[in-house]
């Protein structure tokens, strides 16, 4: 799973299953050049994405919303709220380490998004997420 290897480069560990939506968004941006904003189904069958079904869908919703013009900071907040509400997709043992991994990814997320989809984010230069 190439996506998890890309996460390891940044966080020092492979994606913690079921995968925080922000971590899986990193996987998607690291392994795909584009995103089909009409459907998440191709992501669910992509062996390069290592997350659980619900978390992959949440990461798709996050990426789609920013591509469609949502500000990245509220989009990140919503992804985090969904992680909390889903209780890590029912994997209680993954909740804390998954959030810690997302916190590392979050520090680099805006820059990664800008490299992946130039001009898509509504961040001003030097904005810290």
N, C-alpha and C. Protein backbone atom coordinates (compact mmCIF):
# COMPACT_ATOMS: atom_id res chain seq x y z
N UNK A 1 0.85 -1.19 0.00
CA UNK A 1 0.00 0.00 0.00
C UNK A 1 0.89 1.24 0.00
N UNK A 2 1.00 1.81 -1.16
CA UNK A 2 1.89 2.96 -1.32
C UNK A 2 1.49 4.14 -0.45
N UNK A 3 0.21 4.34 -0.25
CA UNK A 3 -0.24 5.47 0.55
C UNK A 3 0.29 5.43 1.97
N UNK A 4 0.26 4.27 2.57
CA UNK A 4 0.75 4.11 3.93
C UNK A 4 2.26 4.36 4.01
N UNK A 5 2.98 3.98 2.96
CA UNK A 5 4.42 4.27 2.91
C UNK A 5 4.68 5.77 2.86
N UNK A 6 3.83 6.50 2.14
CA UNK A 6 3.96 7.96 2.07
C UNK A 6 3.67 8.60 3.43
N UNK A 7 2.72 8.06 4.16
CA UNK A 7 2.42 8.54 5.51
C UNK A 7 3.62 8.29 6.42
N UNK A 8 4.23 7.13 6.28
CA UNK A 8 5.38 6.78 7.12
C UNK A 8 6.54 7.76 6.91
N UNK A 9 6.70 8.26 5.70
CA UNK A 9 7.77 9.23 5.43
C UNK A 9 7.61 10.49 6.27
N UNK A 10 6.38 10.84 6.59
CA UNK A 10 6.10 12.08 7.33
C UNK A 10 5.96 11.82 8.83
N UNK A 11 5.32 10.72 9.19
CA UNK A 11 4.98 10.48 10.59
C UNK A 11 5.89 9.47 11.29
N UNK A 12 6.64 8.71 10.52
CA UNK A 12 7.50 7.68 11.10
C UNK A 12 6.80 6.35 11.30
N UNK A 13 5.51 6.27 10.94
CA UNK A 13 4.77 5.02 11.09
C UNK A 13 3.78 4.88 9.94
N UNK A 14 3.45 3.64 9.62
CA UNK A 14 2.42 3.38 8.62
C UNK A 14 1.08 3.89 9.15
N UNK A 15 0.14 4.09 8.26
CA UNK A 15 -1.20 4.53 8.64
C UNK A 15 -1.78 3.59 9.68
N UNK A 16 -2.30 4.17 10.74
CA UNK A 16 -2.92 3.40 11.82
C UNK A 16 -4.37 3.13 11.42
N UNK A 17 -4.70 1.85 11.25
CA UNK A 17 -6.04 1.47 10.82
C UNK A 17 -7.08 1.83 11.87
N UNK A 18 -8.21 2.39 11.47
CA UNK A 18 -8.79 2.47 10.13
C UNK A 18 -8.37 3.70 9.33
N UNK A 19 -7.53 4.52 9.90
CA UNK A 19 -7.03 5.69 9.19
C UNK A 19 -7.85 6.94 9.46
N UNK A 20 -7.23 7.91 10.09
CA UNK A 20 -7.87 9.21 10.28
C UNK A 20 -8.13 9.82 8.90
N UNK A 21 -9.26 10.47 8.68
CA UNK A 21 -9.55 11.03 7.36
C UNK A 21 -8.46 11.95 6.81
N UNK A 22 -7.78 12.70 7.66
CA UNK A 22 -6.71 13.57 7.18
C UNK A 22 -5.49 12.77 6.75
N UNK A 23 -5.22 11.67 7.44
CA UNK A 23 -4.10 10.80 7.08
C UNK A 23 -4.42 10.12 5.74
N UNK A 24 -5.65 9.67 5.59
CA UNK A 24 -6.03 9.03 4.32
C UNK A 24 -6.07 10.04 3.18
N UNK A 25 -6.41 11.29 3.47
CA UNK A 25 -6.34 12.32 2.44
C UNK A 25 -4.90 12.47 1.96
N UNK A 26 -3.95 12.38 2.90
CA UNK A 26 -2.53 12.42 2.54
C UNK A 26 -2.19 11.25 1.61
N UNK A 27 -2.68 10.07 1.96
CA UNK A 27 -2.44 8.90 1.11
C UNK A 27 -2.98 9.14 -0.30
N UNK A 28 -4.18 9.65 -0.38
CA UNK A 28 -4.80 9.88 -1.69
C UNK A 28 -4.00 10.90 -2.49
N UNK A 29 -3.63 12.00 -1.86
CA UNK A 29 -2.87 13.02 -2.58
C UNK A 29 -1.49 12.51 -2.97
N UNK A 30 -0.95 11.56 -2.23
CA UNK A 30 0.38 11.03 -2.51
C UNK A 30 0.37 9.97 -3.61
N UNK A 31 -0.78 9.37 -3.87
CA UNK A 31 -0.82 8.25 -4.82
C UNK A 31 -1.68 8.53 -6.05
N UNK A 32 -2.42 9.63 -6.05
CA UNK A 32 -3.28 9.95 -7.19
C UNK A 32 -3.03 11.37 -7.66
N UNK A 33 -3.11 11.56 -8.94
CA UNK A 33 -2.93 12.91 -9.48
C UNK A 33 -4.21 13.72 -9.44
N UNK A 34 -5.36 13.04 -9.44
CA UNK A 34 -6.64 13.73 -9.45
C UNK A 34 -7.61 12.99 -8.53
N UNK A 35 -8.76 13.61 -8.33
CA UNK A 35 -9.81 13.01 -7.52
C UNK A 35 -11.11 13.10 -8.29
N UNK A 36 -11.84 11.99 -8.37
CA UNK A 36 -13.15 11.99 -8.98
C UNK A 36 -14.13 12.55 -7.95
N UNK A 37 -14.55 13.80 -8.14
CA UNK A 37 -15.44 14.42 -7.15
C UNK A 37 -16.88 13.94 -7.28
N UNK A 38 -17.16 13.13 -8.30
CA UNK A 38 -18.52 12.61 -8.46
C UNK A 38 -18.76 11.38 -7.60
N UNK A 39 -17.69 10.64 -7.29
CA UNK A 39 -17.88 9.37 -6.57
C UNK A 39 -16.62 8.96 -5.83
N UNK A 40 -16.81 8.33 -4.69
CA UNK A 40 -15.69 7.83 -3.89
C UNK A 40 -15.41 6.35 -4.17
N UNK A 41 -16.20 5.72 -5.02
CA UNK A 41 -16.12 4.27 -5.18
C UNK A 41 -14.76 3.78 -5.65
N UNK A 42 -14.09 4.52 -6.52
CA UNK A 42 -12.79 4.04 -6.99
C UNK A 42 -11.77 4.01 -5.85
N UNK A 43 -11.92 4.89 -4.86
CA UNK A 43 -11.00 4.90 -3.72
C UNK A 43 -11.18 3.66 -2.85
N UNK A 44 -12.41 3.17 -2.78
CA UNK A 44 -12.69 2.02 -1.93
C UNK A 44 -12.07 0.74 -2.47
N UNK A 45 -11.71 0.75 -3.74
CA UNK A 45 -11.12 -0.43 -4.37
C UNK A 45 -9.66 -0.21 -4.74
N UNK A 46 -9.07 0.85 -4.23
CA UNK A 46 -7.69 1.21 -4.55
C UNK A 46 -6.76 0.59 -3.52
N UNK A 47 -5.91 -0.32 -3.95
CA UNK A 47 -5.00 -1.00 -3.03
C UNK A 47 -3.92 -0.08 -2.47
N UNK A 48 -3.77 1.12 -3.03
CA UNK A 48 -2.79 2.07 -2.51
C UNK A 48 -3.32 2.84 -1.31
N UNK A 49 -4.62 2.77 -1.05
CA UNK A 49 -5.25 3.46 0.07
C UNK A 49 -5.55 2.42 1.14
N UNK A 50 -5.05 2.65 2.35
CA UNK A 50 -5.08 1.58 3.37
C UNK A 50 -6.17 1.72 4.42
N UNK A 51 -7.11 2.60 4.24
CA UNK A 51 -8.09 2.86 5.29
C UNK A 51 -9.35 2.03 5.24
N UNK A 52 -10.10 2.14 6.33
CA UNK A 52 -11.41 1.52 6.40
C UNK A 52 -12.41 2.29 5.54
N UNK A 53 -13.47 1.64 5.16
CA UNK A 53 -14.47 2.20 4.24
C UNK A 53 -14.98 3.57 4.68
N UNK A 54 -15.45 3.68 5.90
CA UNK A 54 -16.03 4.94 6.36
C UNK A 54 -15.01 6.07 6.39
N UNK A 55 -13.79 5.75 6.76
CA UNK A 55 -12.76 6.78 6.85
C UNK A 55 -12.30 7.21 5.46
N UNK A 56 -12.26 6.27 4.51
CA UNK A 56 -11.92 6.63 3.13
C UNK A 56 -12.98 7.57 2.58
N UNK A 57 -14.23 7.27 2.86
CA UNK A 57 -15.32 8.15 2.39
C UNK A 57 -15.19 9.53 3.02
N UNK A 58 -14.87 9.59 4.32
CA UNK A 58 -14.70 10.89 4.97
C UNK A 58 -13.51 11.66 4.38
N UNK A 59 -12.44 10.97 4.04
CA UNK A 59 -11.30 11.65 3.44
C UNK A 59 -11.66 12.17 2.05
N UNK A 60 -12.44 11.40 1.30
CA UNK A 60 -12.92 11.86 -0.01
C UNK A 60 -13.79 13.11 0.15
N UNK A 61 -14.67 13.11 1.13
CA UNK A 61 -15.52 14.28 1.37
C UNK A 61 -14.67 15.51 1.72
N UNK A 62 -13.63 15.31 2.53
CA UNK A 62 -12.73 16.40 2.88
C UNK A 62 -12.06 16.96 1.63
N UNK A 63 -11.45 16.10 0.83
CA UNK A 63 -10.75 16.56 -0.37
C UNK A 63 -11.72 17.22 -1.35
N UNK A 64 -12.86 16.61 -1.54
CA UNK A 64 -13.87 17.14 -2.46
C UNK A 64 -14.30 18.54 -2.03
N UNK A 65 -14.53 18.73 -0.73
CA UNK A 65 -15.01 20.03 -0.26
C UNK A 65 -13.99 21.13 -0.52
N UNK A 66 -12.71 20.83 -0.31
CA UNK A 66 -11.68 21.84 -0.54
C UNK A 66 -11.51 22.10 -2.04
N UNK A 67 -11.57 21.05 -2.85
CA UNK A 67 -11.49 21.22 -4.30
C UNK A 67 -12.65 22.06 -4.82
N UNK A 68 -13.79 21.97 -4.16
CA UNK A 68 -14.97 22.74 -4.58
C UNK A 68 -15.01 24.13 -3.96
N UNK A 69 -13.96 24.51 -3.22
CA UNK A 69 -13.86 25.88 -2.75
C UNK A 69 -14.01 26.11 -1.26
N UNK A 70 -14.21 25.06 -0.48
CA UNK A 70 -14.31 25.24 0.97
C UNK A 70 -12.95 25.66 1.52
N UNK A 71 -12.97 26.47 2.55
CA UNK A 71 -11.74 26.84 3.24
C UNK A 71 -11.19 25.60 3.92
N UNK A 72 -9.89 25.41 3.83
CA UNK A 72 -9.28 24.18 4.33
C UNK A 72 -9.37 24.05 5.86
N UNK A 73 -9.32 25.16 6.57
CA UNK A 73 -9.33 25.06 8.04
C UNK A 73 -10.66 24.51 8.56
N UNK A 74 -11.81 25.05 8.16
CA UNK A 74 -13.07 24.42 8.60
C UNK A 74 -13.23 22.99 8.07
N UNK A 75 -12.67 22.71 6.89
CA UNK A 75 -12.75 21.35 6.36
C UNK A 75 -11.95 20.38 7.24
N UNK A 76 -10.80 20.82 7.70
CA UNK A 76 -9.99 20.01 8.63
C UNK A 76 -10.76 19.80 9.94
N UNK A 77 -11.35 20.87 10.44
CA UNK A 77 -12.12 20.77 11.69
C UNK A 77 -13.26 19.78 11.57
N UNK A 78 -13.93 19.77 10.42
CA UNK A 78 -15.03 18.83 10.19
C UNK A 78 -14.51 17.40 10.12
N UNK A 79 -13.38 17.19 9.45
CA UNK A 79 -12.79 15.84 9.38
C UNK A 79 -12.44 15.35 10.78
N UNK A 80 -11.92 16.23 11.60
CA UNK A 80 -11.58 15.84 12.97
C UNK A 80 -12.82 15.55 13.80
N UNK A 81 -13.85 16.35 13.61
CA UNK A 81 -15.12 16.11 14.32
C UNK A 81 -15.69 14.74 13.92
N UNK A 82 -15.61 14.41 12.64
CA UNK A 82 -16.11 13.11 12.18
C UNK A 82 -15.31 11.96 12.79
N UNK A 83 -14.00 12.15 12.96
CA UNK A 83 -13.15 11.12 13.60
C UNK A 83 -13.61 10.88 15.04
N UNK A 84 -13.87 11.97 15.74
CA UNK A 84 -14.32 11.87 17.13
C UNK A 84 -15.70 11.20 17.19
N UNK A 85 -16.61 11.66 16.35
CA UNK A 85 -17.97 11.11 16.39
C UNK A 85 -18.02 9.64 16.00
N UNK A 86 -17.15 9.23 15.08
CA UNK A 86 -17.15 7.82 14.66
C UNK A 86 -16.37 6.94 15.63
N UNK A 87 -15.72 7.58 16.61
CA UNK A 87 -14.88 6.85 17.58
C UNK A 87 -13.87 5.98 16.83
N UNK A 88 -13.18 6.62 15.89
CA UNK A 88 -12.15 5.95 15.08
C UNK A 88 -12.74 4.76 14.34
N UNK A 89 -13.93 4.97 13.80
CA UNK A 89 -14.57 3.89 13.05
C UNK A 89 -14.87 2.68 13.90
N UNK A 90 -15.03 2.89 15.21
CA UNK A 90 -15.31 1.78 16.12
C UNK A 90 -14.06 1.06 16.60
N UNK A 91 -12.90 1.58 16.25
CA UNK A 91 -11.63 0.97 16.67
C UNK A 91 -11.05 1.82 17.81
N UNK A 92 -11.55 1.62 19.00
CA UNK A 92 -11.18 2.46 20.14
C UNK A 92 -9.68 2.52 20.37
N UNK A 93 -8.98 1.41 20.15
CA UNK A 93 -7.54 1.37 20.38
C UNK A 93 -6.77 2.26 19.38
N UNK A 94 -7.43 2.62 18.30
CA UNK A 94 -6.78 3.45 17.26
C UNK A 94 -7.06 4.94 17.44
N UNK A 95 -7.97 5.28 18.33
CA UNK A 95 -8.40 6.68 18.42
C UNK A 95 -7.24 7.63 18.75
N UNK A 96 -6.57 7.42 19.84
CA UNK A 96 -5.50 8.34 20.26
C UNK A 96 -4.31 8.29 19.30
N UNK A 97 -3.77 7.10 18.97
CA UNK A 97 -2.64 7.12 18.04
C UNK A 97 -3.01 7.63 16.65
N UNK A 98 -4.24 7.38 16.22
CA UNK A 98 -4.69 7.89 14.92
C UNK A 98 -4.78 9.40 14.91
N UNK A 99 -5.25 9.98 16.02
CA UNK A 99 -5.31 11.44 16.12
C UNK A 99 -3.91 12.04 16.18
N UNK A 100 -3.01 11.38 16.89
CA UNK A 100 -1.62 11.86 16.97
C UNK A 100 -0.98 11.86 15.58
N UNK A 101 -1.26 10.82 14.82
CA UNK A 101 -0.73 10.76 13.45
C UNK A 101 -1.33 11.87 12.59
N UNK A 102 -2.61 12.12 12.75
CA UNK A 102 -3.26 13.21 11.99
C UNK A 102 -2.69 14.56 12.38
N UNK A 103 -2.35 14.74 13.65
CA UNK A 103 -1.78 16.00 14.10
C UNK A 103 -0.46 16.29 13.40
N UNK A 104 0.33 15.25 13.16
CA UNK A 104 1.59 15.43 12.42
C UNK A 104 1.30 15.78 10.97
N UNK A 105 0.40 15.05 10.36
CA UNK A 105 0.02 15.29 8.96
C UNK A 105 -0.53 16.69 8.79
N UNK A 106 -1.32 17.12 9.76
CA UNK A 106 -1.99 18.42 9.68
C UNK A 106 -0.99 19.57 9.53
N UNK A 107 0.18 19.41 10.11
CA UNK A 107 1.20 20.45 10.02
C UNK A 107 1.66 20.68 8.58
N UNK A 108 1.50 19.67 7.73
CA UNK A 108 1.99 19.73 6.36
C UNK A 108 0.87 19.70 5.32
N UNK A 109 -0.36 19.61 5.78
CA UNK A 109 -1.49 19.34 4.89
C UNK A 109 -1.75 20.46 3.88
N UNK A 110 -1.73 21.69 4.32
CA UNK A 110 -2.03 22.79 3.40
C UNK A 110 -1.00 22.86 2.28
N UNK A 111 0.26 22.67 2.62
CA UNK A 111 1.31 22.69 1.60
C UNK A 111 1.14 21.53 0.62
N UNK A 112 0.84 20.35 1.15
CA UNK A 112 0.64 19.17 0.30
C UNK A 112 -0.54 19.41 -0.64
N UNK A 113 -1.61 19.97 -0.12
CA UNK A 113 -2.80 20.22 -0.93
C UNK A 113 -2.46 21.22 -2.03
N UNK A 114 -1.71 22.24 -1.70
CA UNK A 114 -1.36 23.25 -2.69
C UNK A 114 -0.48 22.66 -3.79
N UNK A 115 0.41 21.74 -3.44
CA UNK A 115 1.23 21.06 -4.44
C UNK A 115 0.38 20.14 -5.32
N UNK A 116 -0.61 19.49 -4.70
CA UNK A 116 -1.45 18.52 -5.40
C UNK A 116 -2.48 19.21 -6.29
N UNK A 117 -3.07 20.28 -5.80
CA UNK A 117 -4.10 21.00 -6.54
C UNK A 117 -3.84 22.50 -6.39
N UNK A 118 -2.87 23.02 -7.14
CA UNK A 118 -2.51 24.44 -6.99
C UNK A 118 -3.72 25.37 -7.10
N UNK A 119 -3.78 26.28 -6.14
CA UNK A 119 -4.85 27.26 -6.12
C UNK A 119 -6.15 26.80 -5.50
N UNK A 120 -6.23 25.55 -5.12
CA UNK A 120 -7.49 25.02 -4.58
C UNK A 120 -7.76 25.48 -3.15
N UNK A 121 -6.69 25.67 -2.38
CA UNK A 121 -6.90 26.07 -0.99
C UNK A 121 -7.10 27.57 -0.89
N UNK A 122 -7.85 27.99 0.10
CA UNK A 122 -8.11 29.40 0.32
C UNK A 122 -7.25 29.91 1.46
N UNK A 123 -6.01 29.47 1.51
CA UNK A 123 -5.13 29.90 2.56
C UNK A 123 -4.23 31.04 2.07
N UNK A 124 -3.95 31.94 2.95
CA UNK A 124 -2.99 32.98 2.63
C UNK A 124 -1.59 32.47 2.88
N UNK A 125 -0.58 33.03 2.22
CA UNK A 125 0.78 32.54 2.45
C UNK A 125 1.12 32.57 3.94
N UNK A 126 1.85 31.57 4.36
CA UNK A 126 2.34 31.44 5.73
C UNK A 126 1.25 31.15 6.76
N UNK A 127 0.07 30.79 6.32
CA UNK A 127 -0.98 30.41 7.25
C UNK A 127 -0.64 29.06 7.86
N UNK A 128 -0.76 28.96 9.15
CA UNK A 128 -0.49 27.70 9.85
C UNK A 128 -1.80 27.02 10.14
N UNK A 129 -1.89 25.76 9.80
CA UNK A 129 -3.11 25.00 10.06
C UNK A 129 -3.01 24.39 11.43
